[in-house]
Amino acid sequence: MPAEFLLQQMQWRESVEEAANQPEALAALERRLAVEMQDHYAELERRLDGEGDYALAAELVRKLMFLERLREEIGDALERSDA
């Protein structure tokens, strides 16, 4: 993974921790993450269908796996904040 992406992941996780008991802040993070994931899926489609760049497509899939786990963490935090 590129260092820039790993740094971004750390920042996302810090944001989730900071917003842990704030449902509105968690929901805002979830919306931002959804937009980011949409962008990655669109780029993945371009790389696979348009350019045949399978190496970059594989990297995008790994990034999306990280983002999916982060989305699950946000969902878990939202559930805990509702309890």
PDB file of N, CA and C in Angstrom:
ATOM      1  N   MET A   1       0.839  -1.185   0.000  1.00  0.00           N
ATOM      2  CA  MET A   1       0.000   0.000   0.000  1.00  0.00           C
ATOM      3  C   MET A   1       0.884   1.248   0.000  1.00  0.00           C
ATOM      4  N   PRO A   2       0.473   2.237  -0.753  1.00  0.00           N
ATOM      5  CA  PRO A   2       1.206   3.504  -0.741  1.00  0.00           C
ATOM      6  C   PRO A   2       1.134   4.156   0.643  1.00  0.00           C
ATOM      7  N   ALA A   3       2.220   4.794   1.021  1.00  0.00           N
ATOM      8  CA  ALA A   3       2.288   5.434   2.337  1.00  0.00           C
ATOM      9  C   ALA A   3       1.176   6.462   2.517  1.00  0.00           C
ATOM     10  N   GLU A   4       0.847   7.172   1.470  1.00  0.00           N
ATOM     11  CA  GLU A   4      -0.215   8.190   1.537  1.00  0.00           C
ATOM     12  C   GLU A   4      -1.549   7.559   1.932  1.00  0.00           C
ATOM     13  N   PHE A   5      -1.849   6.408   1.346  1.00  0.00           N
ATOM     14  CA  PHE A   5      -3.103   5.730   1.660  1.00  0.00           C
ATOM     15  C   PHE A   5      -3.101   5.235   3.106  1.00  0.00           C
ATOM     16  N   LEU A   6      -1.982   4.689   3.555  1.00  0.00           N
ATOM     17  CA  LEU A   6      -1.901   4.200   4.936  1.00  0.00           C
ATOM     18  C   LEU A   6      -2.057   5.352   5.925  1.00  0.00           C
ATOM     19  N   LEU A   7      -1.466   6.495   5.619  1.00  0.00           N
ATOM     20  CA  LEU A   7      -1.626   7.673   6.474  1.00  0.00           C
ATOM     21  C   LEU A   7      -3.088   8.098   6.508  1.00  0.00           C
ATOM     22  N   GLN A   8      -3.739   8.061   5.362  1.00  0.00           N
ATOM     23  CA  GLN A   8      -5.155   8.425   5.310  1.00  0.00           C
ATOM     24  C   GLN A   8      -5.986   7.466   6.166  1.00  0.00           C
ATOM     25  N   GLN A   9      -5.652   6.187   6.128  1.00  0.00           N
ATOM     26  CA  GLN A   9      -6.368   5.205   6.948  1.00  0.00           C
ATOM     27  C   GLN A   9      -6.212   5.506   8.425  1.00  0.00           C
ATOM     28  N   MET A  10      -5.012   5.883   8.836  1.00  0.00           N
ATOM     29  CA  MET A  10      -4.790   6.241  10.234  1.00  0.00           C
ATOM     30  C   MET A  10      -5.642   7.446  10.612  1.00  0.00           C
ATOM     31  N   GLN A  11      -5.726   8.416   9.723  1.00  0.00           N
ATOM     32  CA  GLN A  11      -6.523   9.609   9.994  1.00  0.00           C
ATOM     33  C   GLN A  11      -8.006   9.261  10.088  1.00  0.00           C
ATOM     34  N   TRP A  12      -8.481   8.387   9.184  1.00  0.00           N
ATOM     35  CA  TRP A  12      -9.881   7.953   9.248  1.00  0.00           C
ATOM     36  C   TRP A  12     -10.157   7.293  10.600  1.00  0.00           C
ATOM     37  N   ARG A  13      -9.277   6.390  11.013  1.00  0.00           N
ATOM     38  CA  ARG A  13      -9.494   5.649  12.262  1.00  0.00           C
ATOM     39  C   ARG A  13      -9.465   6.590  13.467  1.00  0.00           C
ATOM     40  N   GLU A  14      -8.569   7.559  13.441  1.00  0.00           N
ATOM     41  CA  GLU A  14      -8.547   8.560  14.515  1.00  0.00           C
ATOM     42  C   GLU A  14      -9.857   9.330  14.552  1.00  0.00           C
ATOM     43  N   SER A  15     -10.373   9.675  13.392  1.00  0.00           N
ATOM     44  CA  SER A  15     -11.645  10.400  13.324  1.00  0.00           C
ATOM     45  C   SER A  15     -12.779   9.564  13.898  1.00  0.00           C
ATOM     46  N   VAL A  16     -12.764   8.260  13.617  1.00  0.00           N
ATOM     47  CA  VAL A  16     -13.794   7.374  14.157  1.00  0.00           C
ATOM     48  C   VAL A  16     -13.688   7.318  15.669  1.00  0.00           C
ATOM     49  N   GLU A  17     -12.475   7.197  16.189  1.00  0.00           N
ATOM     50  CA  GLU A  17     -12.281   7.158  17.643  1.00  0.00           C
ATOM     51  C   GLU A  17     -12.754   8.450  18.297  1.00  0.00           C
ATOM     52  N   GLU A  18     -12.430   9.583  17.688  1.00  0.00           N
ATOM     53  CA  GLU A  18     -12.816  10.875  18.245  1.00  0.00           C
ATOM     54  C   GLU A  18     -14.337  11.062  18.236  1.00  0.00           C
ATOM     55  N   ALA A  19     -15.001  10.487  17.256  1.00  0.00           N
ATOM     56  CA  ALA A  19     -16.448  10.660  17.116  1.00  0.00           C
ATOM     57  C   ALA A  19     -17.230   9.518  17.753  1.00  0.00           C
ATOM     58  N   ALA A  20     -16.559   8.670  18.500  1.00  0.00           N
ATOM     59  CA  ALA A  20     -17.147   7.420  18.994  1.00  0.00           C
ATOM     60  C   ALA A  20     -18.507   7.595  19.671  1.00  0.00           C
ATOM     61  N   ASN A  21     -18.715   8.632  20.428  1.00  0.00           N
ATOM     62  CA  ASN A  21     -19.977   8.823  21.152  1.00  0.00           C
ATOM     63  C   ASN A  21     -20.823   9.940  20.558  1.00  0.00           C
ATOM     64  N   GLN A  22     -20.571  10.243  19.304  1.00  0.00           N
ATOM     65  CA  GLN A  22     -21.286  11.324  18.637  1.00  0.00           C
ATOM     66  C   GLN A  22     -21.925  10.777  17.349  1.00  0.00           C
ATOM     67  N   PRO A  23     -23.156  10.318  17.448  1.00  0.00           N
ATOM     68  CA  PRO A  23     -23.798   9.709  16.270  1.00  0.00           C
ATOM     69  C   PRO A  23     -23.804  10.604  15.027  1.00  0.00           C
ATOM     70  N   GLU A  24     -23.985  11.906  15.199  1.00  0.00           N
ATOM     71  CA  GLU A  24     -24.011  12.801  14.044  1.00  0.00           C
ATOM     72  C   GLU A  24     -22.652  12.842  13.359  1.00  0.00           C
ATOM     73  N   ALA A  25     -21.588  12.896  14.157  1.00  0.00           N
ATOM     74  CA  ALA A  25     -20.237  12.927  13.596  1.00  0.00           C
ATOM     75  C   ALA A  25     -19.911  11.600  12.909  1.00  0.00           C
ATOM     76  N   LEU A  26     -20.331  10.496  13.502  1.00  0.00           N
ATOM     77  CA  LEU A  26     -20.100   9.187  12.886  1.00  0.00           C
ATOM     78  C   LEU A  26     -20.851   9.071  11.563  1.00  0.00           C
ATOM     79  N   ALA A  27     -22.079   9.563  11.533  1.00  0.00           N
ATOM     80  CA  ALA A  27     -22.872   9.521  10.299  1.00  0.00           C
ATOM     81  C   ALA A  27     -22.212  10.367   9.207  1.00  0.00           C
ATOM     82  N   ALA A  28     -21.647  11.506   9.589  1.00  0.00           N
ATOM     83  CA  ALA A  28     -20.949  12.354   8.617  1.00  0.00           C
ATOM     84  C   ALA A  28     -19.713  11.636   8.075  1.00  0.00           C
ATOM     85  N   LEU A  29     -18.984  10.956   8.949  1.00  0.00           N
ATOM     86  CA  LEU A  29     -17.829  10.175   8.506  1.00  0.00           C
ATOM     87  C   LEU A  29     -18.259   9.070   7.552  1.00  0.00           C
ATOM     88  N   GLU A  30     -19.367   8.442   7.867  1.00  0.00           N
ATOM     89  CA  GLU A  30     -19.877   7.364   7.029  1.00  0.00           C
ATOM     90  C   GLU A  30     -20.229   7.891   5.636  1.00  0.00           C
ATOM     91  N   ARG A  31     -20.818   9.073   5.572  1.00  0.00           N
ATOM     92  CA  ARG A  31     -21.157   9.667   4.275  1.00  0.00           C
ATOM     93  C   ARG A  31     -19.894  10.001   3.469  1.00  0.00           C
ATOM     94  N   ARG A  32     -18.891  10.571   4.139  1.00  0.00           N
ATOM     95  CA  ARG A  32     -17.629  10.894   3.452  1.00  0.00           C
ATOM     96  C   ARG A  32     -16.959   9.627   2.933  1.00  0.00           C
ATOM     97  N   LEU A  33     -16.986   8.585   3.748  1.00  0.00           N
ATOM     98  CA  LEU A  33     -16.386   7.319   3.352  1.00  0.00           C
ATOM     99  C   LEU A  33     -17.124   6.726   2.152  1.00  0.00           C
ATOM    100  N   ALA A  34     -18.439   6.835   2.131  1.00  0.00           N
ATOM    101  CA  ALA A  34     -19.226   6.321   1.010  1.00  0.00           C
ATOM    102  C   ALA A  34     -18.843   7.012  -0.296  1.00  0.00           C
ATOM    103  N   VAL A  35     -18.623   8.307  -0.238  1.00  0.00           N
ATOM    104  CA  VAL A  35     -18.207   9.054  -1.433  1.00  0.00           C
ATOM    105  C   VAL A  35     -16.835   8.574  -1.888  1.00  0.00           C
ATOM    106  N   GLU A  36     -15.933   8.414  -0.949  1.00  0.00           N
ATOM    107  CA  GLU A  36     -14.593   7.937  -1.285  1.00  0.00           C
ATOM    108  C   GLU A  36     -14.650   6.552  -1.924  1.00  0.00           C
ATOM    109  N   MET A  37     -15.479   5.687  -1.371  1.00  0.00           N
ATOM    110  CA  MET A  37     -15.602   4.340  -1.918  1.00  0.00           C
ATOM    111  C   MET A  37     -16.202   4.378  -3.317  1.00  0.00           C
ATOM    112  N   GLN A  38     -17.186   5.230  -3.545  1.00  0.00           N
ATOM    113  CA  GLN A  38     -17.775   5.369  -4.877  1.00  0.00           C
ATOM    114  C   GLN A  38     -16.709   5.779  -5.895  1.00  0.00           C
ATOM    115  N   ASP A  39     -15.856   6.723  -5.488  1.00  0.00           N
ATOM    116  CA  ASP A  39     -14.778   7.167  -6.374  1.00  0.00           C
ATOM    117  C   ASP A  39     -13.842   6.007  -6.705  1.00  0.00           C
ATOM    118  N   HIS A  40     -13.507   5.214  -5.700  1.00  0.00           N
ATOM    119  CA  HIS A  40     -12.606   4.076  -5.919  1.00  0.00           C
ATOM    120  C   HIS A  40     -13.262   3.026  -6.826  1.00  0.00           C
ATOM    121  N   TYR A  41     -14.553   2.770  -6.615  1.00  0.00           N
ATOM    122  CA  TYR A  41     -15.242   1.807  -7.477  1.00  0.00           C
ATOM    123  C   TYR A  41     -15.289   2.300  -8.924  1.00  0.00           C
ATOM    124  N   ALA A  42     -15.516   3.579  -9.121  1.00  0.00           N
ATOM    125  CA  ALA A  42     -15.536   4.133 -10.478  1.00  0.00           C
ATOM    126  C   ALA A  42     -14.157   4.006 -11.126  1.00  0.00           C
ATOM    127  N   GLU A  43     -13.117   4.292 -10.355  1.00  0.00           N
ATOM    128  CA  GLU A  43     -11.765   4.151 -10.897  1.00  0.00           C
ATOM    129  C   GLU A  43     -11.451   2.686 -11.187  1.00  0.00           C
ATOM    130  N   LEU A  44     -11.890   1.794 -10.322  1.00  0.00           N
ATOM    131  CA  LEU A  44     -11.685   0.364 -10.541  1.00  0.00           C
ATOM    132  C   LEU A  44     -12.324  -0.067 -11.860  1.00  0.00           C
ATOM    133  N   GLU A  45     -13.540   0.403 -12.102  1.00  0.00           N
ATOM    134  CA  GLU A  45     -14.219   0.068 -13.352  1.00  0.00           C
ATOM    135  C   GLU A  45     -13.429   0.567 -14.559  1.00  0.00           C
ATOM    136  N   ARG A  46     -12.920   1.801 -14.464  1.00  0.00           N
ATOM    137  CA  ARG A  46     -12.118   2.357 -15.568  1.00  0.00           C
ATOM    138  C   ARG A  46     -10.864   1.511 -15.804  1.00  0.00           C
ATOM    139  N   ARG A  47     -10.211   1.140 -14.701  1.00  0.00           N
ATOM    140  CA  ARG A  47      -8.958   0.381 -14.842  1.00  0.00           C
ATOM    141  C   ARG A  47      -9.193  -1.004 -15.430  1.00  0.00           C
ATOM    142  N   LEU A  48     -10.280  -1.633 -15.035  1.00  0.00           N
ATOM    143  CA  LEU A  48     -10.559  -2.985 -15.530  1.00  0.00           C
ATOM    144  C   LEU A  48     -11.137  -2.980 -16.930  1.00  0.00           C
ATOM    145  N   ASP A  49     -12.188  -2.216 -17.130  1.00  0.00           N
ATOM    146  CA  ASP A  49     -12.919  -2.255 -18.393  1.00  0.00           C
ATOM    147  C   ASP A  49     -12.296  -1.368 -19.473  1.00  0.00           C
ATOM    148  N   GLY A  50     -11.820  -0.218 -19.064  1.00  0.00           N
ATOM    149  CA  GLY A  50     -11.334   0.734 -20.059  1.00  0.00           C
ATOM    150  C   GLY A  50      -9.871   0.576 -20.406  1.00  0.00           C
ATOM    151  N   GLU A  51      -9.053   0.356 -19.398  1.00  0.00           N
ATOM    152  CA  GLU A  51      -7.617   0.394 -19.636  1.00  0.00           C
ATOM    153  C   GLU A  51      -6.935  -0.969 -19.511  1.00  0.00           C
ATOM    154  N   GLY A  52      -7.598  -1.909 -18.881  1.00  0.00           N
ATOM    155  CA  GLY A  52      -6.966  -3.202 -18.674  1.00  0.00           C
ATOM    156  C   GLY A  52      -5.753  -3.135 -17.763  1.00  0.00           C
ATOM    157  N   ASP A  53      -5.744  -2.179 -16.865  1.00  0.00           N
ATOM    158  CA  ASP A  53      -4.624  -2.001 -15.927  1.00  0.00           C
ATOM    159  C   ASP A  53      -4.898  -2.845 -14.682  1.00  0.00           C
ATOM    160  N   TYR A  54      -4.554  -4.109 -14.776  1.00  0.00           N
ATOM    161  CA  TYR A  54      -4.902  -5.058 -13.716  1.00  0.00           C
ATOM    162  C   TYR A  54      -4.067  -4.865 -12.456  1.00  0.00           C
ATOM    163  N   ALA A  55      -2.859  -4.392 -12.590  1.00  0.00           N
ATOM    164  CA  ALA A  55      -2.020  -4.155 -11.410  1.00  0.00           C
ATOM    165  C   ALA A  55      -2.637  -3.041 -10.553  1.00  0.00           C
ATOM    166  N   LEU A  56      -3.029  -1.951 -11.184  1.00  0.00           N
ATOM    167  CA  LEU A  56      -3.643  -0.861 -10.431  1.00  0.00           C
ATOM    168  C   LEU A  56      -5.015  -1.270  -9.921  1.00  0.00           C
ATOM    169  N   ALA A  57      -5.726  -2.070 -10.703  1.00  0.00           N
ATOM    170  CA  ALA A  57      -7.033  -2.550 -10.257  1.00  0.00           C
ATOM    171  C   ALA A  57      -6.874  -3.387  -8.986  1.00  0.00           C
ATOM    172  N   ALA A  58      -5.856  -4.218  -8.925  1.00  0.00           N
ATOM    173  CA  ALA A  58      -5.614  -5.029  -7.729  1.00  0.00           C
ATOM    174  C   ALA A  58      -5.318  -4.145  -6.528  1.00  0.00           C
ATOM    175  N   GLU A  59      -4.567  -3.078  -6.740  1.00  0.00           N
ATOM    176  CA  GLU A  59      -4.284  -2.143  -5.647  1.00  0.00           C
ATOM    177  C   GLU A  59      -5.569  -1.467  -5.172  1.00  0.00           C
ATOM    178  N   LEU A  60      -6.434  -1.109  -6.097  1.00  0.00           N
ATOM    179  CA  LEU A  60      -7.709  -0.491  -5.735  1.00  0.00           C
ATOM    180  C   LEU A  60      -8.578  -1.454  -4.941  1.00  0.00           C
ATOM    181  N   VAL A  61      -8.563  -2.725  -5.300  1.00  0.00           N
ATOM    182  CA  VAL A  61      -9.337  -3.717  -4.554  1.00  0.00           C
ATOM    183  C   VAL A  61      -8.816  -3.798  -3.122  1.00  0.00           C
ATOM    184  N   ARG A  62      -7.499  -3.789  -2.947  1.00  0.00           N
ATOM    185  CA  ARG A  62      -6.935  -3.817  -1.582  1.00  0.00           C
ATOM    186  C   ARG A  62      -7.362  -2.573  -0.798  1.00  0.00           C
ATOM    187  N   LYS A  63      -7.348  -1.423  -1.444  1.00  0.00           N
ATOM    188  CA  LYS A  63      -7.785  -0.192  -0.780  1.00  0.00           C
ATOM    189  C   LYS A  63      -9.253  -0.301  -0.382  1.00  0.00           C
ATOM    190  N   LEU A  64     -10.067  -0.811  -1.287  1.00  0.00           N
ATOM    191  CA  LEU A  64     -11.494  -0.954  -0.985  1.00  0.00           C
ATOM    192  C   LEU A  64     -11.726  -1.923   0.166  1.00  0.00           C
ATOM    193  N   MET A  65     -10.889  -2.924   0.292  1.00  0.00           N
ATOM    194  CA  MET A  65     -11.010  -3.846   1.429  1.00  0.00           C
ATOM    195  C   MET A  65     -10.756  -3.107   2.745  1.00  0.00           C
ATOM    196  N   PHE A  66      -9.738  -2.240   2.768  1.00  0.00           N
ATOM    197  CA  PHE A  66      -9.476  -1.425   3.954  1.00  0.00           C
ATOM    198  C   PHE A  66     -10.675  -0.526   4.245  1.00  0.00           C
ATOM    199  N   LEU A  67     -11.197   0.118   3.200  1.00  0.00           N
ATOM    200  CA  LEU A  67     -12.314   1.041   3.386  1.00  0.00           C
ATOM    201  C   LEU A  67     -13.566   0.317   3.858  1.00  0.00           C
ATOM    202  N   GLU A  68     -13.781  -0.877   3.373  1.00  0.00           N
ATOM    203  CA  GLU A  68     -14.936  -1.665   3.812  1.00  0.00           C
ATOM    204  C   GLU A  68     -14.821  -1.993   5.300  1.00  0.00           C
ATOM    205  N   ARG A  69     -13.628  -2.365   5.741  1.00  0.00           N
ATOM    206  CA  ARG A  69     -13.430  -2.632   7.175  1.00  0.00           C
ATOM    207  C   ARG A  69     -13.670  -1.373   7.999  1.00  0.00           C
ATOM    208  N   LEU A  70     -13.228  -0.254   7.478  1.00  0.00           N
ATOM    209  CA  LEU A  70     -13.451   1.008   8.177  1.00  0.00           C
ATOM    210  C   LEU A  70     -14.940   1.309   8.265  1.00  0.00           C
ATOM    211  N   ARG A  71     -15.668   1.035   7.188  1.00  0.00           N
ATOM    212  CA  ARG A  71     -17.120   1.249   7.203  1.00  0.00           C
ATOM    213  C   ARG A  71     -17.777   0.376   8.267  1.00  0.00           C
ATOM    214  N   GLU A  72     -17.297  -0.838   8.414  1.00  0.00           N
ATOM    215  CA  GLU A  72     -17.816  -1.720   9.460  1.00  0.00           C
ATOM    216  C   GLU A  72     -17.510  -1.158  10.851  1.00  0.00           C
ATOM    217  N   GLU A  73     -16.309  -0.610  11.033  1.00  0.00           N
ATOM    218  CA  GLU A  73     -15.955   0.002  12.317  1.00  0.00           C
ATOM    219  C   GLU A  73     -16.873   1.175  12.637  1.00  0.00           C
ATOM    220  N   ILE A  74     -17.175   1.977  11.634  1.00  0.00           N
ATOM    221  CA  ILE A  74     -18.084   3.111  11.838  1.00  0.00           C
ATOM    222  C   ILE A  74     -19.470   2.590  12.203  1.00  0.00           C
ATOM    223  N   GLY A  75     -19.941   1.561  11.504  1.00  0.00           N
ATOM    224  CA  GLY A  75     -21.239   0.977  11.818  1.00  0.00           C
ATOM    225  C   GLY A  75     -21.282   0.424  13.233  1.00  0.00           C
ATOM    226  N   ASP A  76     -20.207  -0.240  13.652  1.00  0.00           N
ATOM    227  CA  ASP A  76     -20.130  -0.753  15.021  1.00  0.00           C
ATOM    228  C   ASP A  76     -20.176   0.386  16.036  1.00  0.00           C
ATOM    229  N   ALA A  77     -19.447   1.461  15.740  1.00  0.00           N
ATOM    230  CA  ALA A  77     -19.421   2.614  16.643  1.00  0.00           C
ATOM    231  C   ALA A  77     -20.813   3.254  16.716  1.00  0.00           C
ATOM    232  N   LEU A  78     -21.518   3.304  15.584  1.00  0.00           N
ATOM    233  CA  LEU A  78     -22.866   3.859  15.588  1.00  0.00           C
ATOM    234  C   LEU A  78     -23.797   2.992  16.438  1.00  0.00           C
ATOM    235  N   GLU A  79     -23.663   1.689  16.331  1.00  0.00           N
ATOM    236  CA  GLU A  79     -24.488   0.787  17.146  1.00  0.00           C
ATOM    237  C   GLU A  79     -24.207   0.988  18.638  1.00  0.00           C
ATOM    238  N   ARG A  80     -22.938   1.128  18.999  1.00  0.00           N
ATOM    239  CA  ARG A  80     -22.577   1.335  20.407  1.00  0.00           C
ATOM    240  C   ARG A  80     -23.102   2.670  20.924  1.00  0.00           C
ATOM    241  N   SER A  81     -23.092   3.686  20.046  1.00  0.00           N
ATOM    242  CA  SER A  81     -23.559   5.000  20.486  1.00  0.00           C
ATOM    243  C   SER A  81     -25.070   5.033  20.665  1.00  0.00           C
ATOM    244  N   ASP A  82     -25.790   4.125  19.969  1.00  0.00           N
ATOM    245  CA  ASP A  82     -27.244   4.041  20.120  1.00  0.00           C
ATOM    246  C   ASP A  82     -27.652   3.260  21.369  1.00  0.00           C
ATOM    247  N   ALA A  83     -26.750   2.452  21.865  1.00  0.00           N
ATOM    248  CA  ALA A  83     -27.090   1.594  23.029  1.00  0.00           C
ATOM    249  C   ALA A  83     -27.121   2.359  24.321  1.00  0.00           C
TER     250      ALA A  83
END
